[in-house]
Amino acid sequence: MTTGKNNPTGAGAIIALLILGGAIVGGLMGQPSVGLLVGGAIGVAIALLLWLRERGK
């Protein structure tokens, strides 16, 4: 039975990977906290863009 709705795209993995990647890159630069925050911010921005794209469908 189909309801006609598409399954939404999950962005949790993208957020998690960017947080980890930001912490690693930040750690290599001597600023792991800043890297963690930047990675999280970029991950959330990408998640919002995915949500906006899905919302329009």
N, C-alpha and C. Protein backbone atom coordinates (compact mmCIF):
# COMPACT_ATOMS: atom_id res chain seq x y z
N MET A 1 0.84 -1.17 0.00
CA MET A 1 0.00 0.00 0.00
C MET A 1 0.89 1.24 0.00
N THR A 2 0.73 2.09 -0.98
CA THR A 2 1.52 3.32 -1.07
C THR A 2 0.64 4.51 -0.78
N THR A 3 1.23 5.44 -0.04
CA THR A 3 0.48 6.65 0.31
C THR A 3 0.84 7.82 -0.59
N GLY A 4 1.84 7.62 -1.49
CA GLY A 4 2.22 8.69 -2.38
C GLY A 4 3.29 9.61 -1.82
N LYS A 5 3.74 9.36 -0.61
CA LYS A 5 4.79 10.20 -0.02
C LYS A 5 6.14 9.52 -0.20
N ASN A 6 7.16 10.32 -0.48
CA ASN A 6 8.52 9.80 -0.58
C ASN A 6 9.13 9.73 0.81
N ASN A 7 10.07 8.82 0.97
CA ASN A 7 10.80 8.76 2.22
C ASN A 7 11.76 9.94 2.29
N PRO A 8 11.81 10.65 3.41
CA PRO A 8 12.72 11.79 3.51
C PRO A 8 14.18 11.34 3.59
N THR A 9 15.05 12.22 3.14
CA THR A 9 16.48 11.95 3.20
C THR A 9 16.98 12.26 4.61
N GLY A 10 17.70 11.33 5.20
CA GLY A 10 18.26 11.55 6.53
C GLY A 10 19.60 12.26 6.42
N ALA A 11 19.85 13.17 7.32
CA ALA A 11 21.10 13.93 7.28
C ALA A 11 21.93 13.74 8.54
N GLY A 12 21.51 12.83 9.40
CA GLY A 12 22.23 12.62 10.65
C GLY A 12 23.66 12.15 10.43
N ALA A 13 23.87 11.28 9.45
CA ALA A 13 25.22 10.78 9.18
C ALA A 13 26.11 11.90 8.67
N ILE A 14 25.55 12.77 7.85
CA ILE A 14 26.34 13.90 7.33
C ILE A 14 26.78 14.81 8.47
N ILE A 15 25.86 15.09 9.38
CA ILE A 15 26.19 15.95 10.53
C ILE A 15 27.27 15.29 11.37
N ALA A 16 27.11 14.00 11.67
CA ALA A 16 28.07 13.29 12.52
C ALA A 16 29.46 13.25 11.87
N LEU A 17 29.51 12.95 10.58
CA LEU A 17 30.81 12.87 9.91
C LEU A 17 31.50 14.22 9.84
N LEU A 18 30.74 15.28 9.62
CA LEU A 18 31.35 16.61 9.57
C LEU A 18 31.81 17.08 10.95
N ILE A 19 31.09 16.69 11.99
CA ILE A 19 31.55 17.02 13.34
C ILE A 19 32.87 16.32 13.64
N LEU A 20 32.93 15.02 13.32
CA LEU A 20 34.17 14.28 13.55
C LEU A 20 35.31 14.81 12.69
N GLY A 21 35.02 15.06 11.42
CA GLY A 21 36.04 15.59 10.53
C GLY A 21 36.54 16.95 10.97
N GLY A 22 35.62 17.80 11.43
CA GLY A 22 36.01 19.11 11.92
C GLY A 22 36.89 19.02 13.15
N ALA A 23 36.56 18.09 14.04
CA ALA A 23 37.38 17.92 15.24
C ALA A 23 38.78 17.42 14.89
N ILE A 24 38.86 16.52 13.92
CA ILE A 24 40.17 16.00 13.51
C ILE A 24 41.00 17.08 12.84
N VAL A 25 40.40 17.79 11.90
CA VAL A 25 41.14 18.86 11.21
C VAL A 25 41.51 19.96 12.20
N GLY A 26 40.57 20.31 13.07
CA GLY A 26 40.87 21.32 14.09
C GLY A 26 41.97 20.87 15.03
N GLY A 27 41.97 19.59 15.37
CA GLY A 27 43.03 19.06 16.23
C GLY A 27 44.40 19.14 15.57
N LEU A 28 44.44 18.90 14.28
CA LEU A 28 45.71 19.01 13.55
C LEU A 28 46.20 20.46 13.50
N MET A 29 45.25 21.38 13.57
CA MET A 29 45.61 22.81 13.54
C MET A 29 45.76 23.39 14.95
N GLY A 30 45.56 22.56 15.97
CA GLY A 30 45.72 23.03 17.35
C GLY A 30 44.46 23.61 17.95
N GLN A 31 43.33 23.52 17.27
CA GLN A 31 42.06 24.09 17.75
C GLN A 31 40.92 23.08 17.57
N PRO A 32 40.92 21.98 18.33
CA PRO A 32 39.87 20.96 18.12
C PRO A 32 38.47 21.46 18.43
N SER A 33 38.32 22.35 19.40
CA SER A 33 36.98 22.86 19.73
C SER A 33 36.41 23.69 18.59
N VAL A 34 37.24 24.52 18.00
CA VAL A 34 36.79 25.34 16.89
C VAL A 34 36.43 24.45 15.70
N GLY A 35 37.25 23.44 15.44
CA GLY A 35 36.96 22.52 14.35
C GLY A 35 35.65 21.78 14.57
N LEU A 36 35.40 21.38 15.81
CA LEU A 36 34.15 20.70 16.14
C LEU A 36 32.96 21.60 15.87
N LEU A 37 33.05 22.85 16.28
CA LEU A 37 31.95 23.79 16.07
C LEU A 37 31.74 24.11 14.59
N VAL A 38 32.83 24.29 13.86
CA VAL A 38 32.71 24.59 12.43
C VAL A 38 32.13 23.38 11.70
N GLY A 39 32.61 22.19 12.02
CA GLY A 39 32.07 20.98 11.39
C GLY A 39 30.60 20.81 11.69
N GLY A 40 30.20 21.08 12.93
CA GLY A 40 28.78 20.99 13.29
C GLY A 40 27.94 22.01 12.56
N ALA A 41 28.46 23.22 12.44
CA ALA A 41 27.71 24.28 11.74
C ALA A 41 27.54 23.95 10.26
N ILE A 42 28.58 23.44 9.63
CA ILE A 42 28.48 23.07 8.22
C ILE A 42 27.52 21.90 8.05
N GLY A 43 27.59 20.93 8.97
CA GLY A 43 26.68 19.79 8.92
C GLY A 43 25.23 20.19 9.06
N VAL A 44 24.94 21.09 9.97
CA VAL A 44 23.57 21.56 10.17
C VAL A 44 23.11 22.35 8.95
N ALA A 45 24.01 23.14 8.35
CA ALA A 45 23.65 23.91 7.15
C ALA A 45 23.28 22.97 6.00
N ILE A 46 24.06 21.91 5.82
CA ILE A 46 23.76 20.94 4.77
C ILE A 46 22.45 20.23 5.07
N ALA A 47 22.22 19.88 6.34
CA ALA A 47 20.96 19.22 6.71
C ALA A 47 19.77 20.13 6.42
N LEU A 48 19.91 21.41 6.71
CA LEU A 48 18.82 22.36 6.41
C LEU A 48 18.58 22.48 4.91
N LEU A 49 19.65 22.49 4.13
CA LEU A 49 19.48 22.55 2.67
C LEU A 49 18.78 21.30 2.15
N LEU A 50 19.14 20.14 2.68
CA LEU A 50 18.46 18.90 2.28
C LEU A 50 16.99 18.94 2.67
N TRP A 51 16.71 19.45 3.86
CA TRP A 51 15.32 19.54 4.32
C TRP A 51 14.51 20.48 3.43
N LEU A 52 15.11 21.62 3.08
CA LEU A 52 14.40 22.56 2.22
C LEU A 52 14.15 21.97 0.83
N ARG A 53 15.13 21.22 0.32
CA ARG A 53 14.94 20.58 -0.98
C ARG A 53 13.83 19.54 -0.93
N GLU A 54 13.80 18.75 0.14
CA GLU A 54 12.78 17.72 0.28
C GLU A 54 11.39 18.33 0.50
N ARG A 55 11.34 19.45 1.19
CA ARG A 55 10.08 20.10 1.49
C ARG A 55 9.38 20.58 0.23
N GLY A 56 10.17 20.98 -0.76
CA GLY A 56 9.61 21.48 -2.00
C GLY A 56 9.02 20.41 -2.90
N LYS A 57 9.32 19.15 -2.62
CA LYS A 57 8.82 18.06 -3.48
C LYS A 57 7.42 17.66 -3.13
